[in-house]
C-alpha atoms as a PDB file:
ATOM      1  CA  MET A   1     194.550 145.679 192.013  1.00  0.00           C
ATOM      2  CA  SER A   2     193.373 148.827 194.008  1.00  0.00           C
ATOM      3  CA  GLU A   3     194.749 147.337 197.084  1.00  0.00           C
ATOM      4  CA  HIS A   4     198.347 148.226 195.913  1.00  0.00           C
ATOM      5  CA  LEU A   5     197.643 151.846 196.424  1.00  0.00           C
ATOM      6  CA  ILE A   6     195.996 151.282 199.787  1.00  0.00           C
ATOM      7  CA  ARG A   7     199.160 149.323 200.899  1.00  0.00           C
ATOM      8  CA  LYS A   8     201.284 152.250 199.573  1.00  0.00           C
ATOM      9  CA  LEU A   9     199.577 154.975 201.001  1.00  0.00           C
ATOM     10  CA  GLY A  10     199.454 152.739 204.293  1.00  0.00           C
ATOM     11  CA  GLN A  11     203.095 153.243 204.630  1.00  0.00           C
ATOM     12  CA  PHE A  12     202.840 156.978 205.251  1.00  0.00           C
ATOM     13  CA  THR A  13     199.861 157.012 207.766  1.00  0.00           C
ATOM     14  CA  THR A  14     197.292 154.734 209.374  1.00  0.00           C
ATOM     15  CA  LEU A  15     194.305 154.423 207.116  1.00  0.00           C
ATOM     16  CA  SER A  16     190.910 153.769 208.638  1.00  0.00           C
ATOM     17  CA  ASP A  17     188.147 151.600 206.954  1.00  0.00           C
ATOM     18  CA  SER A  18     186.449 154.636 205.722  1.00  0.00           C
ATOM     19  CA  ASP A  19     189.652 155.893 203.965  1.00  0.00           C
ATOM     20  CA  ARG A  20     190.248 152.433 202.210  1.00  0.00           C
ATOM     21  CA  ASP A  21     186.637 152.466 201.092  1.00  0.00           C
ATOM     22  CA  ALA A  22     186.956 155.865 199.676  1.00  0.00           C
ATOM     23  CA  ILE A  23     190.130 154.721 197.844  1.00  0.00           C
ATOM     24  CA  LEU A  24     188.466 151.470 196.419  1.00  0.00           C
ATOM     25  CA  ALA A  25     185.346 153.554 195.334  1.00  0.00           C
ATOM     26  CA  ALA A  26     187.593 156.045 193.492  1.00  0.00           C
ATOM     27  CA  CYS A  27     189.541 153.333 191.741  1.00  0.00           C
ATOM     28  CA  GLY A  28     186.363 151.635 190.574  1.00  0.00           C
ATOM     29  CA  GLY A  29     185.459 153.878 187.873  1.00  0.00           C
ATOM     30  CA  LYS A  30     186.876 154.184 184.444  1.00  0.00           C
ATOM     31  CA  ARG A  31     189.582 151.651 183.640  1.00  0.00           C
ATOM     32  CA  ARG A  32     191.595 151.224 180.669  1.00  0.00           C
ATOM     33  CA  ARG A  33     194.297 148.658 179.472  1.00  0.00           C
ATOM     34  CA  ILE A  34     196.786 149.396 176.979  1.00  0.00           C
ATOM     35  CA  ASP A  35     199.678 147.317 175.410  1.00  0.00           C
ATOM     36  CA  PRO A  36     203.451 147.822 175.473  1.00  0.00           C
ATOM     37  CA  ARG A  37     204.778 150.942 173.884  1.00  0.00           C
ATOM     38  CA  GLU A  38     201.464 152.668 173.903  1.00  0.00           C
ATOM     39  CA  ASP A  39     201.238 156.063 175.572  1.00  0.00           C
ATOM     40  CA  ILE A  40     198.669 156.734 178.379  1.00  0.00           C
ATOM     41  CA  ILE A  41     199.374 160.446 177.813  1.00  0.00           C
ATOM     42  CA  ARG A  42     201.705 162.467 175.524  1.00  0.00           C
ATOM     43  CA  GLU A  43     203.740 165.505 175.917  1.00  0.00           C
ATOM     44  CA  GLY A  44     201.686 168.394 174.611  1.00  0.00           C
ATOM     45  CA  GLU A  45     198.109 166.899 175.639  1.00  0.00           C
ATOM     46  CA  ASN A  46     195.755 168.357 178.184  1.00  0.00           C
ATOM     47  CA  PRO A  47     195.630 166.313 181.316  1.00  0.00           C
ATOM     48  CA  THR A  48     192.083 166.183 182.567  1.00  0.00           C
ATOM     49  CA  HIS A  49     192.369 163.380 185.254  1.00  0.00           C
ATOM     50  CA  VAL A  50     194.896 161.604 187.375  1.00  0.00           C
ATOM     51  CA  ASN A  51     195.935 157.999 186.185  1.00  0.00           C
ATOM     52  CA  LEU A  52     196.532 155.350 188.732  1.00  0.00           C
ATOM     53  CA  ILE A  53     198.745 152.468 187.595  1.00  0.00           C
ATOM     54  CA  LEU A  54     196.780 149.144 188.765  1.00  0.00           C
ATOM     55  CA  ASP A  55     198.602 146.562 186.856  1.00  0.00           C
ATOM     56  CA  GLY A  56     201.952 146.538 184.790  1.00  0.00           C
ATOM     57  CA  TRP A  57     204.793 149.049 184.495  1.00  0.00           C
ATOM     58  CA  ALA A  58     204.893 152.269 182.851  1.00  0.00           C
ATOM     59  CA  CYS A  59     207.557 155.178 182.814  1.00  0.00           C
ATOM     60  CA  ARG A  60     207.840 158.929 182.577  1.00  0.00           C
ATOM     61  CA  TYR A  61     209.877 160.006 179.547  1.00  0.00           C
ATOM     62  CA  LYS A  62     211.144 162.655 177.540  1.00  0.00           C
ATOM     63  CA  GLN A  63     211.834 162.055 173.672  1.00  0.00           C
ATOM     64  CA  LEU A  64     214.180 164.150 171.336  1.00  0.00           C
ATOM     65  CA  ARG A  65     213.431 165.050 167.978  1.00  0.00           C
ATOM     66  CA  ASP A  66     216.105 162.454 166.766  1.00  0.00           C
ATOM     67  CA  GLY A  67     214.146 159.696 168.508  1.00  0.00           C
ATOM     68  CA  ARG A  68     216.502 159.500 171.607  1.00  0.00           C
ATOM     69  CA  ARG A  69     214.531 158.669 174.715  1.00  0.00           C
ATOM     70  CA  GLN A  70     215.293 159.195 178.432  1.00  0.00           C
ATOM     71  CA  ILE A  71     213.289 157.618 181.042  1.00  0.00           C
ATOM     72  CA  ILE A  72     212.617 159.834 183.837  1.00  0.00           C
ATOM     73  CA  SER A  73     211.044 157.362 186.151  1.00  0.00           C
ATOM     74  CA  PHE A  74     209.407 153.903 186.511  1.00  0.00           C
ATOM     75  CA  LEU A  75     205.793 153.812 187.541  1.00  0.00           C
ATOM     76  CA  LEU A  76     204.632 150.634 189.317  1.00  0.00           C
ATOM     77  CA  PRO A  77     201.389 149.326 190.543  1.00  0.00           C
ATOM     78  CA  GLY A  78     199.926 151.757 193.079  1.00  0.00           C
ATOM     79  CA  ASP A  79     201.417 154.731 191.588  1.00  0.00           C
ATOM     80  CA  LEU A  80     199.521 157.744 190.851  1.00  0.00           C
ATOM     81  CA  CYS A  81     200.805 159.953 187.842  1.00  0.00           C
ATOM     82  CA  ASP A  82     200.722 163.183 189.766  1.00  0.00           C
ATOM     83  CA  THR A  83     197.798 164.124 191.875  1.00  0.00           C
ATOM     84  CA  HIS A  84     197.652 167.593 190.631  1.00  0.00           C
ATOM     85  CA  VAL A  85     198.707 167.109 187.208  1.00  0.00           C
ATOM     86  CA  TYR A  86     195.253 168.562 185.982  1.00  0.00           C
ATOM     87  CA  VAL A  87     196.361 172.213 186.915  1.00  0.00           C
ATOM     88  CA  LEU A  88     198.727 172.023 183.860  1.00  0.00           C
ATOM     89  CA  ARG A  89     197.551 173.290 180.453  1.00  0.00           C
ATOM     90  CA  GLU A  90     199.584 170.673 178.624  1.00  0.00           C
ATOM     91  CA  MET A  91     201.992 167.690 179.569  1.00  0.00           C
ATOM     92  CA  ASP A  92     205.659 168.691 179.490  1.00  0.00           C
ATOM     93  CA  HIS A  93     206.714 164.808 179.297  1.00  0.00           C
ATOM     94  CA  SER A  94     204.958 161.623 178.250  1.00  0.00           C
ATOM     95  CA  ILE A  95     203.839 158.620 180.297  1.00  0.00           C
ATOM     96  CA  GLY A  96     203.880 155.107 178.408  1.00  0.00           C
ATOM     97  CA  ALA A  97     203.545 151.456 179.040  1.00  0.00           C
ATOM     98  CA  LEU A  98     206.621 149.332 179.295  1.00  0.00           C
ATOM     99  CA  THR A  99     204.337 146.177 179.693  1.00  0.00           C
ATOM    100  CA  PRO A 100     200.572 145.518 179.176  1.00  0.00           C
ATOM    101  CA  VAL A 101     199.169 148.088 181.712  1.00  0.00           C
ATOM    102  CA  THR A 102     195.797 148.438 183.396  1.00  0.00           C
ATOM    103  CA  PHE A 103     195.137 151.902 184.873  1.00  0.00           C
ATOM    104  CA  ALA A 104     192.077 153.859 186.373  1.00  0.00           C
ATOM    105  CA  GLU A 105     191.155 157.273 185.372  1.00  0.00           C
ATOM    106  CA  ILE A 106     190.288 159.351 188.554  1.00  0.00           C
ATOM    107  CA  SER A 107     188.555 162.507 188.004  1.00  0.00           C
ATOM    108  CA  ARG A 108     189.544 165.952 189.528  1.00  0.00           C
ATOM    109  CA  GLU A 109     186.146 166.065 191.220  1.00  0.00           C
ATOM    110  CA  THR A 110     186.659 162.684 192.757  1.00  0.00           C
ATOM    111  CA  LEU A 111     190.142 163.415 194.042  1.00  0.00           C
ATOM    112  CA  ASN A 112     189.034 166.698 195.442  1.00  0.00           C
ATOM    113  CA  ARG A 113     186.218 165.251 197.275  1.00  0.00           C
ATOM    114  CA  ILE A 114     188.418 162.378 198.786  1.00  0.00           C
ATOM    115  CA  THR A 115     190.987 164.855 199.950  1.00  0.00           C
ATOM    116  CA  ALA A 116     188.423 167.002 201.424  1.00  0.00           C
ATOM    117  CA  GLU A 117     186.482 164.333 203.397  1.00  0.00           C
ATOM    118  CA  HIS A 118     189.563 162.150 204.480  1.00  0.00           C
ATOM    119  CA  PRO A 119     192.522 164.020 205.792  1.00  0.00           C
ATOM    120  CA  ARG A 120     194.692 160.994 206.423  1.00  0.00           C
ATOM    121  CA  ILE A 121     194.614 160.127 202.787  1.00  0.00           C
ATOM    122  CA  THR A 122     195.554 163.909 202.077  1.00  0.00           C
ATOM    123  CA  HIS A 123     198.475 163.426 204.429  1.00  0.00           C
ATOM    124  CA  ALA A 124     199.352 160.175 202.680  1.00  0.00           C
ATOM    125  CA  LEU A 125     199.410 161.675 199.064  1.00  0.00           C
ATOM    126  CA  GLU A 126     201.476 164.657 200.437  1.00  0.00           C
ATOM    127  CA  TRP A 127     204.079 162.084 201.683  1.00  0.00           C
ATOM    128  CA  ASP A 128     203.873 160.124 198.372  1.00  0.00           C
ATOM    129  CA  ALA A 129     204.344 163.540 196.285  1.00  0.00           C
ATOM    130  CA  LEU A 130     207.479 164.250 198.610  1.00  0.00           C
ATOM    131  CA  VAL A 131     208.977 160.753 198.009  1.00  0.00           C
ATOM    132  CA  THR A 132     208.299 161.222 194.404  1.00  0.00           C
ATOM    133  CA  ALA A 133     210.440 164.341 194.275  1.00  0.00           C
ATOM    134  CA  ALA A 134     213.222 162.393 196.535  1.00  0.00           C
ATOM    135  CA  ILE A 135     213.324 159.655 194.262  1.00  0.00           C
ATOM    136  CA  GLN A 136     214.085 162.143 191.221  1.00  0.00           C
ATOM    137  CA  ARG A 137     216.824 163.612 193.259  1.00  0.00           C
ATOM    138  CA  GLU A 138     218.369 159.992 193.629  1.00  0.00           C
ATOM    139  CA  TRP A 139     218.038 159.465 190.130  1.00  0.00           C
ATOM    140  CA  THR A 140     219.883 162.826 189.395  1.00  0.00           C
ATOM    141  CA  VAL A 141     222.780 161.587 191.632  1.00  0.00           C
ATOM    142  CA  ASN A 142     222.705 158.294 189.979  1.00  0.00           C
ATOM    143  CA  LEU A 143     223.183 159.791 186.266  1.00  0.00           C
ATOM    144  CA  GLY A 144     225.809 162.238 187.496  1.00  0.00           C
ATOM    145  CA  ARG A 145     227.868 160.626 190.058  1.00  0.00           C
ATOM    146  CA  ARG A 146     227.574 156.950 190.419  1.00  0.00           C
ATOM    147  CA  ILE A 147     229.404 154.548 188.257  1.00  0.00           C
ATOM    148  CA  ALA A 148     227.530 152.097 186.223  1.00  0.00           C
ATOM    149  CA  ALA A 149     227.473 149.044 188.619  1.00  0.00           C
ATOM    150  CA  GLU A 150     226.513 151.421 191.570  1.00  0.00           C
ATOM    151  CA  ARG A 151     223.724 153.187 189.389  1.00  0.00           C
ATOM    152  CA  LEU A 152     222.125 149.822 188.251  1.00  0.00           C
ATOM    153  CA  GLY A 153     222.347 148.233 191.610  1.00  0.00           C
ATOM    154  CA  HIS A 154     220.760 151.274 193.225  1.00  0.00           C
ATOM    155  CA  LEU A 155     218.017 151.255 190.961  1.00  0.00           C
ATOM    156  CA  LEU A 156     217.281 147.445 191.629  1.00  0.00           C
ATOM    157  CA  CYS A 157     217.347 147.943 195.369  1.00  0.00           C
ATOM    158  CA  GLU A 158     215.020 150.850 195.035  1.00  0.00           C
ATOM    159  CA  ILE A 159     212.446 148.725 192.566  1.00  0.00           C
ATOM    160  CA  PHE A 160     212.687 146.040 195.263  1.00  0.00           C
ATOM    161  CA  ILE A 161     211.726 148.134 198.201  1.00  0.00           C
ATOM    162  CA  ARG A 162     209.011 150.157 196.238  1.00  0.00           C
ATOM    163  CA  LEU A 163     207.481 146.545 195.044  1.00  0.00           C
ATOM    164  CA  ARG A 164     207.881 144.913 198.665  1.00  0.00           C
ATOM    165  CA  GLY A 165     205.856 147.775 199.929  1.00  0.00           C
ATOM    166  CA  VAL A 166     202.905 146.982 197.708  1.00  0.00           C
ATOM    167  CA  GLY A 167     203.126 143.274 197.970  1.00  0.00           C
ATOM    168  CA  LEU A 168     204.515 142.432 194.836  1.00  0.00           C
ATOM    169  CA  THR A 169     208.084 140.594 195.812  1.00  0.00           C
ATOM    170  CA  GLU A 170     208.333 136.873 196.803  1.00  0.00           C
ATOM    171  CA  GLY A 171     211.010 136.427 199.477  1.00  0.00           C
ATOM    172  CA  HIS A 172     213.991 138.157 197.888  1.00  0.00           C
ATOM    173  CA  SER A 173     212.711 138.013 194.386  1.00  0.00           C
ATOM    174  CA  TYR A 174     210.534 140.130 191.961  1.00  0.00           C
ATOM    175  CA  ILE A 175     209.644 140.160 188.472  1.00  0.00           C
ATOM    176  CA  LEU A 176     211.846 142.662 186.311  1.00  0.00           C
ATOM    177  CA  PRO A 177     209.603 142.859 183.082  1.00  0.00           C
ATOM    178  CA  VAL A 178     211.402 145.598 181.382  1.00  0.00           C
ATOM    179  CA  THR A 179     214.209 145.251 178.615  1.00  0.00           C
ATOM    180  CA  GLN A 180     217.805 146.096 178.892  1.00  0.00           C
ATOM    181  CA  ALA A 181     217.190 148.792 176.305  1.00  0.00           C
ATOM    182  CA  ASP A 182     214.594 150.464 179.003  1.00  0.00           C
ATOM    183  CA  LEU A 183     217.134 150.017 181.749  1.00  0.00           C
ATOM    184  CA  GLY A 184     219.519 151.879 179.572  1.00  0.00           C
ATOM    185  CA  ASN A 185     217.241 154.489 178.689  1.00  0.00           C
ATOM    186  CA  ALA A 186     216.767 155.006 182.464  1.00  0.00           C
ATOM    187  CA  MET A 187     220.288 154.995 183.480  1.00  0.00           C
ATOM    188  CA  GLY A 188     221.950 156.764 180.725  1.00  0.00           C
ATOM    189  CA  LEU A 189     223.699 153.598 179.385  1.00  0.00           C
ATOM    190  CA  SER A 190     223.597 151.611 176.233  1.00  0.00           C
ATOM    191  CA  SER A 191     222.124 148.239 176.078  1.00  0.00           C
ATOM    192  CA  VAL A 192     225.552 146.522 175.751  1.00  0.00           C
ATOM    193  CA  HIS A 193     226.828 148.381 178.827  1.00  0.00           C
ATOM    194  CA  ILE A 194     223.668 147.499 180.772  1.00  0.00           C
ATOM    195  CA  ASN A 195     224.304 143.762 179.730  1.00  0.00           C
ATOM    196  CA  ARG A 196     227.797 143.961 180.855  1.00  0.00           C
ATOM    197  CA  THR A 197     226.800 145.559 184.327  1.00  0.00           C
ATOM    198  CA  LEU A 198     224.241 142.832 185.054  1.00  0.00           C
ATOM    199  CA  GLN A 199     226.967 140.331 184.240  1.00  0.00           C
ATOM    200  CA  GLU A 200     229.317 142.172 186.673  1.00  0.00           C
ATOM    201  CA  LEU A 201     226.589 142.071 189.332  1.00  0.00           C
ATOM    202  CA  ARG A 202     225.985 138.407 188.793  1.00  0.00           C
ATOM    203  CA  GLY A 203     229.617 137.637 188.823  1.00  0.00           C
ATOM    204  CA  CYS A 204     229.792 139.162 192.253  1.00  0.00           C
ATOM    205  CA  GLY A 205     226.848 137.159 193.645  1.00  0.00           C
ATOM    206  CA  LEU A 206     225.052 140.510 194.405  1.00  0.00           C
ATOM    207  CA  ILE A 207     221.939 139.246 191.907  1.00  0.00           C
ATOM    208  CA  VAL A 208     220.677 136.234 190.369  1.00  0.00           C
ATOM    209  CA  LEU A 209     218.477 136.708 186.978  1.00  0.00           C
ATOM    210  CA  LYS A 210     216.468 133.941 185.625  1.00  0.00           C
ATOM    211  CA  GLY A 211     214.589 134.920 182.671  1.00  0.00           C
ATOM    212  CA  ARG A 212     212.392 138.118 184.226  1.00  0.00           C
ATOM    213  CA  GLN A 213     212.692 136.971 187.780  1.00  0.00           C
ATOM    214  CA  LEU A 214     215.444 138.862 189.655  1.00  0.00           C
ATOM    215  CA  THR A 215     216.750 137.583 192.978  1.00  0.00           C
ATOM    216  CA  ILE A 216     218.657 139.508 195.467  1.00  0.00           C
ATOM    217  CA  PRO A 217     220.404 137.160 197.677  1.00  0.00           C
ATOM    218  CA  ASN A 218     221.807 139.706 200.101  1.00  0.00           C
ATOM    219  CA  LEU A 219     220.066 142.919 200.139  1.00  0.00           C
ATOM    220  CA  ALA A 220     222.451 144.558 202.391  1.00  0.00           C
ATOM    221  CA  ALA A 221     225.566 143.711 200.251  1.00  0.00           C
ATOM    222  CA  LEU A 222     223.933 145.128 197.136  1.00  0.00           C
ATOM    223  CA  GLN A 223     222.884 148.223 199.098  1.00  0.00           C
ATOM    224  CA  THR A 224     226.566 148.738 200.238  1.00  0.00           C
ATOM    225  CA  ALA A 225     228.061 147.901 196.869  1.00  0.00           C
ATOM    226  CA  SER A 226     225.526 150.262 195.228  1.00  0.00           C
ATOM    227  CA  LEU A 227     225.869 153.177 197.900  1.00  0.00           C
ATOM    228  CA  PHE A 228     222.116 152.782 198.527  1.00  0.00           C
ATOM    229  CA  ASN A 229     220.555 154.133 201.580  1.00  0.00           C
ATOM    230  CA  PRO A 230     216.701 153.689 201.625  1.00  0.00           C
ATOM    231  CA  ASN A 231     216.189 156.746 203.759  1.00  0.00           C
ATOM    232  CA  TYR A 232     214.906 158.724 200.744  1.00  0.00           C
ATOM    233  CA  LEU A 233     211.877 156.265 200.309  1.00  0.00           C
ATOM    234  CA  HIS A 234     210.720 157.596 203.793  1.00  0.00           C
ATOM    235  CA  LEU A 235     208.630 154.283 204.174  1.00  0.00           C
ATOM    236  CA  GLY A 236     206.964 153.399 207.438  1.00  0.00           C
ATOM    237  CA  ARG A 237     207.830 156.680 209.060  1.00  0.00           C
ATOM    238  CA  GLY A 238     205.163 159.016 208.628  1.00  0.00           C
ATOM    239  CA  GLY A 239     205.476 162.644 209.295  1.00  0.00           C
ATOM    240  CA  ARG A 240     205.532 164.973 212.374  1.00  0.00           C
END
């Protein structure tokens, strides 16, 4: 499962065998598995290590006092939960499991050693942090300016490209294991509105949804309908 991180970082730079071995060693330490709706870390807690999602889907979220929840981002296999999170005295958001999740705990000392000894890993992690910020900007545009069909279609395109980058798609299909309530909490829409919007995308032939398997028959068509430009993911480009 550590290969997901290697494939992800390999989209930003060329990793050597030594780099790959260092990543595998870092991911081989303490691992935990939690159930859906359990938290990896809660707002207000003191972060002491970096969490790497190995299997399953998690999310960052903020919860209001009355129980309303806003999902800020989806965390997929190969995603690190902030490489510098341990500089915080306390978490300003929570990270929770949406499905059964297996994750590795990477200590501050391990991460510092890897970045000191492997400059290409450091370069890739810097790019990963920039892409994470870029995704957050796109989500802000989604919530503020795109209509429901564009908003949801944009998210489905983004997830497809992110999963494809780590080898978790099959042709034009991938597993979408989250609920309509989860999608609504991420998109600022009610579950009823999400259901209606999914039906709209299906009716236009832009997606096929059978159980948890989502198929995008024509990615270019869904990208056009959703005003999706993948440039913010900066995949396969590298830096200057």
